[in-house]
Amino acid sequence: MSSVQGMSAGIHLLVPLNFIAPFLARALGTFAGAFEEYPSRLQTRPTAQRVVQINGQYMRCTTS
């Protein structure tokens, strides 16, 4: 399924789980990152440098 023709020929093989799983993976990753960062936010406000670092880690982990 790497081309338009392959996608149209194989779309009938896909089930709802094929569309839900990537969404859940992204949502759980976002939740885990927010949950990890929350205790440190209670102590101090994040600096701009820390925000950029967190966003960089998120983008590095979610893009393949």
C-alpha atoms as a PDB file:
ATOM      1  CA  MET A   1       0.000   0.000   0.000  1.00  0.00           C
ATOM      2  CA  SER A   2       2.673   2.467  -0.945  1.00  0.00           C
ATOM      3  CA  SER A   3       0.919   3.887  -3.995  1.00  0.00           C
ATOM      4  CA  VAL A   4      -2.533   5.180  -4.831  1.00  0.00           C
ATOM      5  CA  GLN A   5      -3.285   2.097  -6.912  1.00  0.00           C
ATOM      6  CA  GLY A   6      -2.153  -0.221  -4.116  1.00  0.00           C
ATOM      7  CA  MET A   7      -4.219   1.686  -1.582  1.00  0.00           C
ATOM      8  CA  SER A   8      -7.373   1.535  -3.689  1.00  0.00           C
ATOM      9  CA  ALA A   9      -6.821  -2.171  -4.376  1.00  0.00           C
ATOM     10  CA  GLY A  10      -6.279  -3.073  -0.712  1.00  0.00           C
ATOM     11  CA  ILE A  11      -8.630  -0.709   1.121  1.00  0.00           C
ATOM     12  CA  HIS A  12     -11.178  -3.495   1.566  1.00  0.00           C
ATOM     13  CA  LEU A  13      -8.627  -5.379   3.704  1.00  0.00           C
ATOM     14  CA  LEU A  14      -8.452  -2.651   6.332  1.00  0.00           C
ATOM     15  CA  VAL A  15     -10.588  -2.834   9.456  1.00  0.00           C
ATOM     16  CA  PRO A  16     -11.475  -0.013  11.889  1.00  0.00           C
ATOM     17  CA  LEU A  17      -8.610  -1.032  14.179  1.00  0.00           C
ATOM     18  CA  ASN A  18      -6.165   0.004  11.445  1.00  0.00           C
ATOM     19  CA  PHE A  19      -7.447   3.558  11.752  1.00  0.00           C
ATOM     20  CA  ILE A  20      -8.023   3.709  15.519  1.00  0.00           C
ATOM     21  CA  ALA A  21      -4.664   2.300  16.688  1.00  0.00           C
ATOM     22  CA  PRO A  22      -2.483   5.156  15.331  1.00  0.00           C
ATOM     23  CA  PHE A  23      -4.841   7.721  16.846  1.00  0.00           C
ATOM     24  CA  LEU A  24      -4.707   6.009  20.249  1.00  0.00           C
ATOM     25  CA  ALA A  25      -0.923   5.719  20.092  1.00  0.00           C
ATOM     26  CA  ARG A  26      -0.585   9.456  19.460  1.00  0.00           C
ATOM     27  CA  ALA A  27      -3.101  10.302  22.186  1.00  0.00           C
ATOM     28  CA  LEU A  28      -1.414   8.056  24.765  1.00  0.00           C
ATOM     29  CA  GLY A  29       1.993   9.505  23.895  1.00  0.00           C
ATOM     30  CA  THR A  30       0.691  13.025  24.392  1.00  0.00           C
ATOM     31  CA  PHE A  31      -0.881  12.057  27.706  1.00  0.00           C
ATOM     32  CA  ALA A  32       2.327  10.389  28.896  1.00  0.00           C
ATOM     33  CA  GLY A  33       4.380  13.474  28.033  1.00  0.00           C
ATOM     34  CA  ALA A  34       1.962  15.766  29.848  1.00  0.00           C
ATOM     35  CA  PHE A  35       1.824  13.435  32.846  1.00  0.00           C
ATOM     36  CA  GLU A  36       5.628  13.326  33.010  1.00  0.00           C
ATOM     37  CA  GLU A  37       5.936  17.102  32.850  1.00  0.00           C
ATOM     38  CA  TYR A  38       3.145  17.953  35.324  1.00  0.00           C
ATOM     39  CA  PRO A  39       5.097  17.544  38.636  1.00  0.00           C
ATOM     40  CA  SER A  40       7.849  19.884  37.494  1.00  0.00           C
ATOM     41  CA  ARG A  41       5.245  22.488  36.498  1.00  0.00           C
ATOM     42  CA  LEU A  42       4.023  22.570  40.076  1.00  0.00           C
ATOM     43  CA  GLN A  43       7.463  23.714  41.231  1.00  0.00           C
ATOM     44  CA  THR A  44       8.370  26.299  38.588  1.00  0.00           C
ATOM     45  CA  ARG A  45       7.094  27.622  35.310  1.00  0.00           C
ATOM     46  CA  PRO A  46       8.934  26.117  32.341  1.00  0.00           C
ATOM     47  CA  THR A  47      11.333  28.390  30.540  1.00  0.00           C
ATOM     48  CA  ALA A  48      11.127  28.929  26.802  1.00  0.00           C
ATOM     49  CA  GLN A  49      14.162  26.686  26.385  1.00  0.00           C
ATOM     50  CA  ARG A  50      12.419  23.839  28.261  1.00  0.00           C
ATOM     51  CA  VAL A  51       9.279  24.221  26.150  1.00  0.00           C
ATOM     52  CA  VAL A  52      11.332  23.943  22.958  1.00  0.00           C
ATOM     53  CA  GLN A  53      13.119  20.889  24.376  1.00  0.00           C
ATOM     54  CA  ILE A  54       9.832  19.158  25.244  1.00  0.00           C
ATOM     55  CA  ASN A  55       8.378  19.911  21.814  1.00  0.00           C
ATOM     56  CA  GLY A  56      11.535  18.600  20.160  1.00  0.00           C
ATOM     57  CA  GLN A  57      11.328  15.353  22.113  1.00  0.00           C
ATOM     58  CA  TYR A  58       7.655  14.984  21.194  1.00  0.00           C
ATOM     59  CA  MET A  59       8.269  15.588  17.482  1.00  0.00           C
ATOM     60  CA  ARG A  60      11.270  13.253  17.449  1.00  0.00           C
ATOM     61  CA  CYS A  61       9.206  10.435  19.015  1.00  0.00           C
ATOM     62  CA  THR A  62       6.049  10.885  16.954  1.00  0.00           C
ATOM     63  CA  THR A  63       7.470  11.325  13.462  1.00  0.00           C
ATOM     64  CA  SER A  64       8.932   8.370  11.675  1.00  0.00           C
END
